[in-house]
Amino acid sequence: METKNYSSSTSGFILLGLSSNPQLQKPLFAIFLIMYLLTAVGNVLIILAIYSDPRLHTPMYFFLSNLSFMDICFTTVIVPKMLVNFLSETKVISYVGCLVQMYFFMAFANTDSYLLASMAIDRLVAICNPLHYDVVMKPRHCLLMLLGSCSISHLHSLFRVLLMSRLSFCDSHIIKHFFCDTQPVLKLSCSDTSSSQMVVMTETLAIIVTPFLCIIFSYLRIIVTVLRIPSAAGKWKAFSTCGSHLTVVVLFYGSIIYVYFRPLSMYSVVRDRVATVMYTVVTPMLNPFIYSLRNKDMKRGLKKLRDRIYS
């Protein structure tokens, strides 16, 4: 049988998507179109509300507005192609298109994780060291944290994509996923991927675990500080400022850890698709609701934005 090296040919891959059942394609299209529109509209409203209300021009909301922007980019890399494939019979993505999708997916996902870590640092300083908050979290430092988050994430993505581009892909070019993710693409390679897997696991641990450990450390410090507050009302007030962020962290990192921090031999197509949908589509859609429903400042900002639009 003839073997083709897809890393050097013009042939592409076939994305199987969430389901191969023809009867489910249109219902899935409608569901994910609604979810994508909710994600885009919800996150745009968060950005506009923060921009239009001077009282929200603080480090926490600076990071939140950038998180909302990254969530829009994050879902746009994946969902539009998924929607096209729901209504298409071919479901083809070019080799270059696959690598480009993989690059931007990882770049935006990693930036999300670093922004969540930056928001955890903001809460840490606000609760544990409030007298120095204006000095530590001044605009220049926040901008440097944002630029650092983007730079590290894009360098990580570039390294991973360059590593993937060196692999050969033989005979089977069917990706059992709804986008070009690392694990399902590695499964197709006829090259020896053991070294690639080791490098990917090690480098992923360094890049993804660093912001996660930062979040864990920040919340441990916050818990210790809050427990020292004598009044129950004071404790609740301090914890309430962290509730929305902590909810997003659990949703985002819970599914990521499940999908990526396992050997390739333990990869399960169906279970990993569901977990991947959680952090690629569901979490970005829920973020605006999580940050606005329990946040008085965001509610006020959204109300002010609404009044401006209808005035």
C-alpha atoms as a PDB file:
ATOM      1  CA  MET A   1       0.000   0.000   0.000  1.00  0.00           C
ATOM      2  CA  GLU A   2       1.288   3.413  -0.943  1.00  0.00           C
ATOM      3  CA  THR A   3       2.328   5.575   1.990  1.00  0.00           C
ATOM      4  CA  LYS A   4       1.847   9.300   1.837  1.00  0.00           C
ATOM      5  CA  ASN A   5       3.687  11.814   3.907  1.00  0.00           C
ATOM      6  CA  TYR A   6       1.075  14.461   4.628  1.00  0.00           C
ATOM      7  CA  SER A   7       3.624  16.825   6.080  1.00  0.00           C
ATOM      8  CA  SER A   8       5.000  17.384   2.588  1.00  0.00           C
ATOM      9  CA  SER A   9       1.956  16.812   0.393  1.00  0.00           C
ATOM     10  CA  THR A  10      -0.989  18.989  -0.497  1.00  0.00           C
ATOM     11  CA  SER A  11      -3.399  16.441   0.960  1.00  0.00           C
ATOM     12  CA  GLY A  12      -5.213  17.321   4.139  1.00  0.00           C
ATOM     13  CA  PHE A  13      -7.045  15.672   6.990  1.00  0.00           C
ATOM     14  CA  ILE A  14     -10.667  14.726   7.518  1.00  0.00           C
ATOM     15  CA  LEU A  15     -12.242  15.922  10.769  1.00  0.00           C
ATOM     16  CA  LEU A  16     -14.843  13.402  11.918  1.00  0.00           C
ATOM     17  CA  GLY A  17     -16.458  15.938  14.230  1.00  0.00           C
ATOM     18  CA  LEU A  18     -18.581  15.205  17.276  1.00  0.00           C
ATOM     19  CA  SER A  19     -20.767  12.613  15.575  1.00  0.00           C
ATOM     20  CA  SER A  20     -20.871  10.720  12.288  1.00  0.00           C
ATOM     21  CA  ASN A  21     -24.660  10.314  12.497  1.00  0.00           C
ATOM     22  CA  PRO A  22     -26.156  12.326   9.559  1.00  0.00           C
ATOM     23  CA  GLN A  23     -29.378  12.984  11.481  1.00  0.00           C
ATOM     24  CA  LEU A  24     -27.483  14.781  14.255  1.00  0.00           C
ATOM     25  CA  GLN A  25     -25.557  17.185  12.013  1.00  0.00           C
ATOM     26  CA  LYS A  26     -28.238  19.897  11.703  1.00  0.00           C
ATOM     27  CA  PRO A  27     -29.289  19.800  15.394  1.00  0.00           C
ATOM     28  CA  LEU A  28     -25.609  19.995  16.414  1.00  0.00           C
ATOM     29  CA  PHE A  29     -25.112  22.880  13.975  1.00  0.00           C
ATOM     30  CA  ALA A  30     -27.998  24.792  15.573  1.00  0.00           C
ATOM     31  CA  ILE A  31     -26.799  24.091  19.137  1.00  0.00           C
ATOM     32  CA  PHE A  32     -23.190  25.150  18.508  1.00  0.00           C
ATOM     33  CA  LEU A  33     -24.220  28.178  16.437  1.00  0.00           C
ATOM     34  CA  ILE A  34     -26.328  29.423  19.365  1.00  0.00           C
ATOM     35  CA  MET A  35     -23.479  28.703  21.808  1.00  0.00           C
ATOM     36  CA  TYR A  36     -20.982  30.543  19.589  1.00  0.00           C
ATOM     37  CA  LEU A  37     -23.257  33.576  19.229  1.00  0.00           C
ATOM     38  CA  LEU A  38     -23.846  33.648  23.000  1.00  0.00           C
ATOM     39  CA  THR A  39     -20.078  33.471  23.541  1.00  0.00           C
ATOM     40  CA  ALA A  40     -19.334  36.283  21.104  1.00  0.00           C
ATOM     41  CA  VAL A  41     -22.159  38.592  22.230  1.00  0.00           C
ATOM     42  CA  GLY A  42     -21.633  37.909  25.957  1.00  0.00           C
ATOM     43  CA  ASN A  43     -17.901  38.554  25.873  1.00  0.00           C
ATOM     44  CA  VAL A  44     -18.240  41.641  23.656  1.00  0.00           C
ATOM     45  CA  LEU A  45     -20.743  43.050  26.165  1.00  0.00           C
ATOM     46  CA  ILE A  46     -18.259  42.413  29.004  1.00  0.00           C
ATOM     47  CA  ILE A  47     -15.513  44.256  27.080  1.00  0.00           C
ATOM     48  CA  LEU A  48     -17.799  47.202  26.203  1.00  0.00           C
ATOM     49  CA  ALA A  49     -19.143  47.449  29.766  1.00  0.00           C
ATOM     50  CA  ILE A  50     -15.613  47.585  31.202  1.00  0.00           C
ATOM     51  CA  TYR A  51     -14.467  50.089  28.570  1.00  0.00           C
ATOM     52  CA  SER A  52     -17.468  52.397  29.054  1.00  0.00           C
ATOM     53  CA  ASP A  53     -17.455  52.513  32.875  1.00  0.00           C
ATOM     54  CA  PRO A  54     -14.461  54.365  34.419  1.00  0.00           C
ATOM     55  CA  ARG A  55     -15.134  52.638  37.762  1.00  0.00           C
ATOM     56  CA  LEU A  56     -14.231  49.337  36.091  1.00  0.00           C
ATOM     57  CA  HIS A  57     -10.833  50.602  34.915  1.00  0.00           C
ATOM     58  CA  THR A  58      -9.005  48.513  37.521  1.00  0.00           C
ATOM     59  CA  PRO A  59      -6.429  45.691  37.162  1.00  0.00           C
ATOM     60  CA  MET A  60      -9.017  42.937  37.785  1.00  0.00           C
ATOM     61  CA  TYR A  61     -11.298  44.184  35.024  1.00  0.00           C
ATOM     62  CA  PHE A  62      -8.359  44.929  32.733  1.00  0.00           C
ATOM     63  CA  PHE A  63      -7.490  41.224  32.883  1.00  0.00           C
ATOM     64  CA  LEU A  64     -11.164  40.234  32.607  1.00  0.00           C
ATOM     65  CA  SER A  65     -11.647  42.284  29.427  1.00  0.00           C
ATOM     66  CA  ASN A  66      -8.575  40.640  27.899  1.00  0.00           C
ATOM     67  CA  LEU A  67      -9.811  37.212  29.018  1.00  0.00           C
ATOM     68  CA  SER A  68     -13.120  37.925  27.255  1.00  0.00           C
ATOM     69  CA  PHE A  69     -11.262  38.947  24.094  1.00  0.00           C
ATOM     70  CA  MET A  70      -9.146  35.775  24.207  1.00  0.00           C
ATOM     71  CA  ASP A  71     -12.280  33.672  24.701  1.00  0.00           C
ATOM     72  CA  ILE A  72     -13.782  35.153  21.524  1.00  0.00           C
ATOM     73  CA  CYS A  73     -10.558  34.408  19.600  1.00  0.00           C
ATOM     74  CA  PHE A  74     -10.296  30.964  21.208  1.00  0.00           C
ATOM     75  CA  THR A  75     -13.768  29.830  20.095  1.00  0.00           C
ATOM     76  CA  THR A  76     -13.440  31.520  16.678  1.00  0.00           C
ATOM     77  CA  VAL A  77     -10.415  29.343  15.893  1.00  0.00           C
ATOM     78  CA  ILE A  78     -12.517  26.192  16.375  1.00  0.00           C
ATOM     79  CA  VAL A  79     -16.287  26.699  16.136  1.00  0.00           C
ATOM     80  CA  PRO A  80     -16.750  28.294  12.655  1.00  0.00           C
ATOM     81  CA  LYS A  81     -14.878  25.393  11.015  1.00  0.00           C
ATOM     82  CA  MET A  82     -16.912  22.956  13.123  1.00  0.00           C
ATOM     83  CA  LEU A  83     -20.147  24.609  11.946  1.00  0.00           C
ATOM     84  CA  VAL A  84     -19.083  24.372   8.292  1.00  0.00           C
ATOM     85  CA  ASN A  85     -18.257  20.677   8.747  1.00  0.00           C
ATOM     86  CA  PHE A  86     -21.684  19.952  10.265  1.00  0.00           C
ATOM     87  CA  LEU A  87     -23.240  20.930   6.918  1.00  0.00           C
ATOM     88  CA  SER A  88     -20.464  19.585   4.684  1.00  0.00           C
ATOM     89  CA  GLU A  89     -20.006  16.075   3.344  1.00  0.00           C
ATOM     90  CA  THR A  90     -16.233  16.280   2.914  1.00  0.00           C
ATOM     91  CA  LYS A  91     -15.166  17.754   6.327  1.00  0.00           C
ATOM     92  CA  VAL A  92     -11.654  18.323   4.972  1.00  0.00           C
ATOM     93  CA  ILE A  93      -9.040  20.611   6.488  1.00  0.00           C
ATOM     94  CA  SER A  94      -5.745  21.216   4.705  1.00  0.00           C
ATOM     95  CA  TYR A  95      -2.455  20.216   6.302  1.00  0.00           C
ATOM     96  CA  VAL A  96      -1.384  23.860   6.645  1.00  0.00           C
ATOM     97  CA  GLY A  97      -4.859  24.802   7.877  1.00  0.00           C
ATOM     98  CA  CYS A  98      -4.610  22.087  10.524  1.00  0.00           C
ATOM     99  CA  LEU A  99      -1.272  23.388  11.801  1.00  0.00           C
ATOM    100  CA  VAL A 100      -2.527  26.982  11.775  1.00  0.00           C
ATOM    101  CA  GLN A 101      -5.626  25.979  13.763  1.00  0.00           C
ATOM    102  CA  MET A 102      -3.455  24.034  16.204  1.00  0.00           C
ATOM    103  CA  TYR A 103      -1.114  27.016  16.635  1.00  0.00           C
ATOM    104  CA  PHE A 104      -3.792  29.593  17.418  1.00  0.00           C
ATOM    105  CA  PHE A 105      -5.822  27.189  19.539  1.00  0.00           C
ATOM    106  CA  MET A 106      -2.830  26.541  21.819  1.00  0.00           C
ATOM    107  CA  ALA A 107      -1.773  30.207  21.822  1.00  0.00           C
ATOM    108  CA  PHE A 108      -5.178  31.491  22.939  1.00  0.00           C
ATOM    109  CA  ALA A 109      -5.780  28.618  25.377  1.00  0.00           C
ATOM    110  CA  ASN A 110      -2.423  29.183  27.077  1.00  0.00           C
ATOM    111  CA  THR A 111      -2.976  32.943  27.187  1.00  0.00           C
ATOM    112  CA  ASP A 112      -6.291  32.231  28.917  1.00  0.00           C
ATOM    113  CA  SER A 113      -4.504  30.201  31.587  1.00  0.00           C
ATOM    114  CA  TYR A 114      -1.913  32.944  32.197  1.00  0.00           C
ATOM    115  CA  LEU A 115      -4.627  35.597  32.405  1.00  0.00           C
ATOM    116  CA  LEU A 116      -6.442  33.474  34.996  1.00  0.00           C
ATOM    117  CA  ALA A 117      -3.159  33.317  36.934  1.00  0.00           C
ATOM    118  CA  SER A 118      -2.784  37.109  36.649  1.00  0.00           C
ATOM    119  CA  MET A 119      -6.300  37.540  38.032  1.00  0.00           C
ATOM    120  CA  ALA A 120      -5.417  35.228  40.932  1.00  0.00           C
ATOM    121  CA  ILE A 121      -2.348  37.379  41.689  1.00  0.00           C
ATOM    122  CA  ASP A 122      -4.572  40.453  41.603  1.00  0.00           C
ATOM    123  CA  ARG A 123      -6.911  38.904  44.209  1.00  0.00           C
ATOM    124  CA  LEU A 124      -3.908  37.797  46.288  1.00  0.00           C
ATOM    125  CA  VAL A 125      -2.493  41.312  46.470  1.00  0.00           C
ATOM    126  CA  ALA A 126      -5.926  42.908  47.031  1.00  0.00           C
ATOM    127  CA  ILE A 127      -6.757  40.627  49.979  1.00  0.00           C
ATOM    128  CA  CYS A 128      -3.360  39.862  51.514  1.00  0.00           C
ATOM    129  CA  ASN A 129      -1.503  43.111  50.892  1.00  0.00           C
ATOM    130  CA  PRO A 130      -4.122  45.834  50.237  1.00  0.00           C
ATOM    131  CA  LEU A 131      -1.906  48.746  51.325  1.00  0.00           C
ATOM    132  CA  HIS A 132       0.547  47.995  48.506  1.00  0.00           C
ATOM    133  CA  TYR A 133      -2.106  47.126  45.892  1.00  0.00           C
ATOM    134  CA  ASP A 134      -1.766  50.365  43.886  1.00  0.00           C
ATOM    135  CA  VAL A 135       2.017  49.964  43.715  1.00  0.00           C
ATOM    136  CA  VAL A 136       2.134  46.240  42.858  1.00  0.00           C
ATOM    137  CA  MET A 137      -0.777  46.267  40.389  1.00  0.00           C
ATOM    138  CA  LYS A 138      -0.115  49.577  38.678  1.00  0.00           C
ATOM    139  CA  PRO A 139      -1.007  49.792  34.939  1.00  0.00           C
ATOM    140  CA  ARG A 140       2.568  49.270  33.708  1.00  0.00           C
ATOM    141  CA  HIS A 141       2.895  46.019  35.668  1.00  0.00           C
ATOM    142  CA  CYS A 142      -0.489  44.791  34.412  1.00  0.00           C
ATOM    143  CA  LEU A 143       0.515  45.522  30.819  1.00  0.00           C
ATOM    144  CA  LEU A 144       3.809  43.646  31.291  1.00  0.00           C
ATOM    145  CA  MET A 145       1.896  40.649  32.722  1.00  0.00           C
ATOM    146  CA  LEU A 146      -0.399  40.682  29.662  1.00  0.00           C
ATOM    147  CA  LEU A 147       2.501  40.927  27.200  1.00  0.00           C
ATOM    148  CA  GLY A 148       4.357  38.167  29.049  1.00  0.00           C
ATOM    149  CA  SER A 149       1.282  35.939  28.928  1.00  0.00           C
ATOM    150  CA  CYS A 150       0.901  36.413  25.168  1.00  0.00           C
ATOM    151  CA  SER A 151       4.626  36.010  24.423  1.00  0.00           C
ATOM    152  CA  ILE A 152       5.070  32.776  26.400  1.00  0.00           C
ATOM    153  CA  SER A 153       1.879  31.313  24.924  1.00  0.00           C
ATOM    154  CA  HIS A 154       2.792  32.063  21.305  1.00  0.00           C
ATOM    155  CA  LEU A 155       6.357  30.759  21.731  1.00  0.00           C
ATOM    156  CA  HIS A 156       4.951  27.568  23.254  1.00  0.00           C
ATOM    157  CA  SER A 157       2.534  27.171  20.324  1.00  0.00           C
ATOM    158  CA  LEU A 158       5.260  27.801  17.761  1.00  0.00           C
ATOM    159  CA  PHE A 159       7.481  25.153  19.353  1.00  0.00           C
ATOM    160  CA  ARG A 160       4.657  22.587  19.413  1.00  0.00           C
ATOM    161  CA  VAL A 161       3.628  23.223  15.803  1.00  0.00           C
ATOM    162  CA  LEU A 162       7.228  23.014  14.573  1.00  0.00           C
ATOM    163  CA  LEU A 163       7.512  19.689  16.382  1.00  0.00           C
ATOM    164  CA  MET A 164       4.302  18.414  14.758  1.00  0.00           C
ATOM    165  CA  SER A 165       5.410  19.575  11.297  1.00  0.00           C
ATOM    166  CA  ARG A 166       8.372  17.170  11.435  1.00  0.00           C
ATOM    167  CA  LEU A 167       6.125  14.121  11.736  1.00  0.00           C
ATOM    168  CA  SER A 168       5.038  11.930   8.848  1.00  0.00           C
ATOM    169  CA  PHE A 169       1.384  11.002   8.394  1.00  0.00           C
ATOM    170  CA  CYS A 170       0.650   7.785   6.546  1.00  0.00           C
ATOM    171  CA  ASP A 171      -2.394   6.120   4.955  1.00  0.00           C
ATOM    172  CA  SER A 172      -5.039   7.106   7.512  1.00  0.00           C
ATOM    173  CA  HIS A 173      -5.654  10.847   7.619  1.00  0.00           C
ATOM    174  CA  ILE A 174      -8.938  10.816   9.542  1.00  0.00           C
ATOM    175  CA  ILE A 175      -8.801  12.890  12.733  1.00  0.00           C
ATOM    176  CA  LYS A 176     -11.298  11.521  15.257  1.00  0.00           C
ATOM    177  CA  HIS A 177     -12.021  14.932  16.669  1.00  0.00           C
ATOM    178  CA  PHE A 178     -13.784  18.194  15.761  1.00  0.00           C
ATOM    179  CA  PHE A 179     -10.567  20.205  15.412  1.00  0.00           C
ATOM    180  CA  CYS A 180      -6.811  19.696  15.039  1.00  0.00           C
ATOM    181  CA  ASP A 181      -5.782  18.964  18.600  1.00  0.00           C
ATOM    182  CA  THR A 182      -2.378  17.532  19.490  1.00  0.00           C
ATOM    183  CA  GLN A 183      -3.376  14.087  20.786  1.00  0.00           C
ATOM    184  CA  PRO A 184      -5.646  12.942  17.910  1.00  0.00           C
ATOM    185  CA  VAL A 185      -3.154  14.239  15.322  1.00  0.00           C
ATOM    186  CA  LEU A 186      -0.265  12.418  17.040  1.00  0.00           C
ATOM    187  CA  LYS A 187      -2.353   9.246  16.850  1.00  0.00           C
ATOM    188  CA  LEU A 188      -2.207   9.426  13.031  1.00  0.00           C
ATOM    189  CA  SER A 189       1.554   9.731  12.724  1.00  0.00           C
ATOM    190  CA  CYS A 190       3.537   6.804  11.370  1.00  0.00           C
ATOM    191  CA  SER A 191       6.726   8.340  12.816  1.00  0.00           C
ATOM    192  CA  ASP A 192       8.070   7.303  16.188  1.00  0.00           C
ATOM    193  CA  THR A 193       6.179   9.716  18.439  1.00  0.00           C
ATOM    194  CA  SER A 194       7.617   8.548  21.772  1.00  0.00           C
ATOM    195  CA  SER A 195      10.193  11.360  21.891  1.00  0.00           C
ATOM    196  CA  SER A 196       7.600  13.873  20.702  1.00  0.00           C
ATOM    197  CA  GLN A 197       5.184  12.730  23.397  1.00  0.00           C
ATOM    198  CA  MET A 198       7.870  13.078  26.047  1.00  0.00           C
ATOM    199  CA  VAL A 199       8.817  16.579  24.894  1.00  0.00           C
ATOM    200  CA  VAL A 200       5.142  17.576  24.598  1.00  0.00           C
ATOM    201  CA  MET A 201       4.305  16.267  28.083  1.00  0.00           C
ATOM    202  CA  THR A 202       7.370  17.892  29.690  1.00  0.00           C
ATOM    203  CA  GLU A 203       6.944  21.213  27.948  1.00  0.00           C
ATOM    204  CA  THR A 204       3.176  21.230  28.538  1.00  0.00           C
ATOM    205  CA  LEU A 205       3.743  20.578  32.236  1.00  0.00           C
ATOM    206  CA  ALA A 206       6.115  23.539  32.397  1.00  0.00           C
ATOM    207  CA  ILE A 207       3.848  25.917  30.454  1.00  0.00           C
ATOM    208  CA  ILE A 208       0.394  24.943  31.764  1.00  0.00           C
ATOM    209  CA  VAL A 209       1.265  23.861  35.311  1.00  0.00           C
ATOM    210  CA  THR A 210       3.156  27.099  36.057  1.00  0.00           C
ATOM    211  CA  PRO A 211       0.046  29.352  35.961  1.00  0.00           C
ATOM    212  CA  PHE A 212      -2.009  26.605  37.650  1.00  0.00           C
ATOM    213  CA  LEU A 213       0.457  26.380  40.558  1.00  0.00           C
ATOM    214  CA  CYS A 214       0.446  30.170  40.733  1.00  0.00           C
ATOM    215  CA  ILE A 215      -3.355  30.071  41.121  1.00  0.00           C
ATOM    216  CA  ILE A 216      -3.150  27.328  43.789  1.00  0.00           C
ATOM    217  CA  PHE A 217      -0.472  29.233  45.737  1.00  0.00           C
ATOM    218  CA  SER A 218      -2.468  32.478  45.506  1.00  0.00           C
ATOM    219  CA  TYR A 219      -5.636  30.876  46.856  1.00  0.00           C
ATOM    220  CA  LEU A 220      -3.807  29.093  49.658  1.00  0.00           C
ATOM    221  CA  ARG A 221      -2.413  32.464  50.760  1.00  0.00           C
ATOM    222  CA  ILE A 222      -5.857  34.036  50.398  1.00  0.00           C
ATOM    223  CA  ILE A 223      -7.501  31.291  52.501  1.00  0.00           C
ATOM    224  CA  VAL A 224      -4.899  31.667  55.272  1.00  0.00           C
ATOM    225  CA  THR A 225      -5.382  35.447  55.296  1.00  0.00           C
ATOM    226  CA  VAL A 226      -9.191  35.285  55.212  1.00  0.00           C
ATOM    227  CA  LEU A 227      -9.330  32.770  58.073  1.00  0.00           C
ATOM    228  CA  ARG A 228      -7.551  35.329  60.235  1.00  0.00           C
ATOM    229  CA  ILE A 229     -10.375  37.848  59.738  1.00  0.00           C
ATOM    230  CA  PRO A 230     -12.365  37.814  63.000  1.00  0.00           C
ATOM    231  CA  SER A 231     -15.860  38.531  61.668  1.00  0.00           C
ATOM    232  CA  ALA A 232     -17.903  36.136  59.515  1.00  0.00           C
ATOM    233  CA  ALA A 233     -19.120  39.081  57.423  1.00  0.00           C
ATOM    234  CA  GLY A 234     -15.510  40.096  56.706  1.00  0.00           C
ATOM    235  CA  LYS A 235     -14.597  36.572  55.676  1.00  0.00           C
ATOM    236  CA  TRP A 236     -17.601  36.325  53.340  1.00  0.00           C
ATOM    237  CA  LYS A 237     -16.857  39.708  51.770  1.00  0.00           C
ATOM    238  CA  ALA A 238     -13.251  38.693  51.040  1.00  0.00           C
ATOM    239  CA  PHE A 239     -14.188  35.275  49.635  1.00  0.00           C
ATOM    240  CA  SER A 240     -17.057  36.707  47.555  1.00  0.00           C
ATOM    241  CA  THR A 241     -14.586  38.697  45.442  1.00  0.00           C
ATOM    242  CA  CYS A 242     -12.954  35.417  44.375  1.00  0.00           C
ATOM    243  CA  GLY A 243     -16.040  33.274  43.701  1.00  0.00           C
ATOM    244  CA  SER A 244     -16.477  34.022  39.988  1.00  0.00           C
ATOM    245  CA  HIS A 245     -12.773  33.624  39.213  1.00  0.00           C
ATOM    246  CA  LEU A 246     -12.521  30.360  41.131  1.00  0.00           C
ATOM    247  CA  THR A 247     -15.554  28.932  39.282  1.00  0.00           C
ATOM    248  CA  VAL A 248     -13.966  29.681  35.899  1.00  0.00           C
ATOM    249  CA  VAL A 249     -10.629  28.198  37.032  1.00  0.00           C
ATOM    250  CA  VAL A 250     -12.299  24.918  38.075  1.00  0.00           C
ATOM    251  CA  LEU A 251     -14.222  24.628  34.778  1.00  0.00           C
ATOM    252  CA  PHE A 252     -11.217  25.521  32.617  1.00  0.00           C
ATOM    253  CA  TYR A 253      -8.464  23.544  34.341  1.00  0.00           C
ATOM    254  CA  GLY A 254     -10.631  20.564  35.295  1.00  0.00           C
ATOM    255  CA  SER A 255     -11.293  19.621  31.670  1.00  0.00           C
ATOM    256  CA  ILE A 256      -7.763  20.534  30.495  1.00  0.00           C
ATOM    257  CA  ILE A 257      -6.122  18.304  33.114  1.00  0.00           C
ATOM    258  CA  TYR A 258      -8.440  15.442  32.164  1.00  0.00           C
ATOM    259  CA  VAL A 259      -7.666  15.741  28.436  1.00  0.00           C
ATOM    260  CA  TYR A 260      -3.938  16.496  28.350  1.00  0.00           C
ATOM    261  CA  PHE A 261      -2.227  15.128  31.415  1.00  0.00           C
ATOM    262  CA  ARG A 262      -2.425  11.490  30.420  1.00  0.00           C
ATOM    263  CA  PRO A 263      -0.265   9.286  28.181  1.00  0.00           C
ATOM    264  CA  LEU A 264      -1.358   8.913  24.541  1.00  0.00           C
ATOM    265  CA  SER A 265      -2.197   5.242  25.250  1.00  0.00           C
ATOM    266  CA  MET A 266      -4.991   6.383  27.599  1.00  0.00           C
ATOM    267  CA  TYR A 267      -6.545   8.703  25.002  1.00  0.00           C
ATOM    268  CA  SER A 268     -10.301   8.077  24.621  1.00  0.00           C
ATOM    269  CA  VAL A 269     -12.043   9.653  21.625  1.00  0.00           C
ATOM    270  CA  VAL A 270     -15.576  10.009  23.011  1.00  0.00           C
ATOM    271  CA  ARG A 271     -14.701  11.079  26.573  1.00  0.00           C
ATOM    272  CA  ASP A 272     -12.042  13.519  25.400  1.00  0.00           C
ATOM    273  CA  ARG A 273     -14.418  15.116  22.881  1.00  0.00           C
ATOM    274  CA  VAL A 274     -16.886  15.847  25.669  1.00  0.00           C
ATOM    275  CA  ALA A 275     -14.175  17.215  27.979  1.00  0.00           C
ATOM    276  CA  THR A 276     -12.727  19.319  25.144  1.00  0.00           C
ATOM    277  CA  VAL A 277     -16.137  20.818  24.350  1.00  0.00           C
ATOM    278  CA  MET A 278     -16.293  21.896  28.005  1.00  0.00           C
ATOM    279  CA  TYR A 279     -13.234  24.166  27.881  1.00  0.00           C
ATOM    280  CA  THR A 280     -13.312  25.160  24.191  1.00  0.00           C
ATOM    281  CA  VAL A 281     -17.008  26.081  23.902  1.00  0.00           C
ATOM    282  CA  VAL A 282     -18.925  25.805  27.186  1.00  0.00           C
ATOM    283  CA  THR A 283     -16.522  27.661  29.518  1.00  0.00           C
ATOM    284  CA  PRO A 284     -16.021  30.700  27.188  1.00  0.00           C
ATOM    285  CA  MET A 285     -19.828  30.869  26.815  1.00  0.00           C
ATOM    286  CA  LEU A 286     -20.403  30.729  30.586  1.00  0.00           C
ATOM    287  CA  ASN A 287     -17.680  33.220  31.552  1.00  0.00           C
ATOM    288  CA  PRO A 288     -19.778  36.365  30.900  1.00  0.00           C
ATOM    289  CA  PHE A 289     -22.657  34.935  32.951  1.00  0.00           C
ATOM    290  CA  ILE A 290     -20.366  33.829  35.796  1.00  0.00           C
ATOM    291  CA  TYR A 291     -18.678  37.229  36.003  1.00  0.00           C
ATOM    292  CA  SER A 292     -21.847  39.314  35.642  1.00  0.00           C
ATOM    293  CA  LEU A 293     -24.561  37.478  37.597  1.00  0.00           C
ATOM    294  CA  ARG A 294     -22.709  37.557  40.948  1.00  0.00           C
ATOM    295  CA  ASN A 295     -20.764  40.760  40.450  1.00  0.00           C
ATOM    296  CA  LYS A 296     -22.398  44.057  41.450  1.00  0.00           C
ATOM    297  CA  ASP A 297     -19.762  46.135  39.625  1.00  0.00           C
ATOM    298  CA  MET A 298     -20.306  44.251  36.358  1.00  0.00           C
ATOM    299  CA  LYS A 299     -24.097  44.467  36.737  1.00  0.00           C
ATOM    300  CA  ARG A 300     -23.786  48.221  37.176  1.00  0.00           C
ATOM    301  CA  GLY A 301     -21.440  48.460  34.174  1.00  0.00           C
ATOM    302  CA  LEU A 302     -23.786  46.422  31.957  1.00  0.00           C
ATOM    303  CA  LYS A 303     -26.770  48.516  33.070  1.00  0.00           C
ATOM    304  CA  LYS A 304     -24.835  51.686  32.262  1.00  0.00           C
ATOM    305  CA  LEU A 305     -23.940  50.267  28.826  1.00  0.00           C
ATOM    306  CA  ARG A 306     -27.599  49.368  28.194  1.00  0.00           C
ATOM    307  CA  ASP A 307     -28.713  52.882  29.162  1.00  0.00           C
ATOM    308  CA  ARG A 308     -26.142  54.375  26.760  1.00  0.00           C
ATOM    309  CA  ILE A 309     -27.321  52.151  23.918  1.00  0.00           C
ATOM    310  CA  TYR A 310     -31.013  52.950  24.378  1.00  0.00           C
ATOM    311  CA  SER A 311     -30.625  56.615  25.293  1.00  0.00           C
END
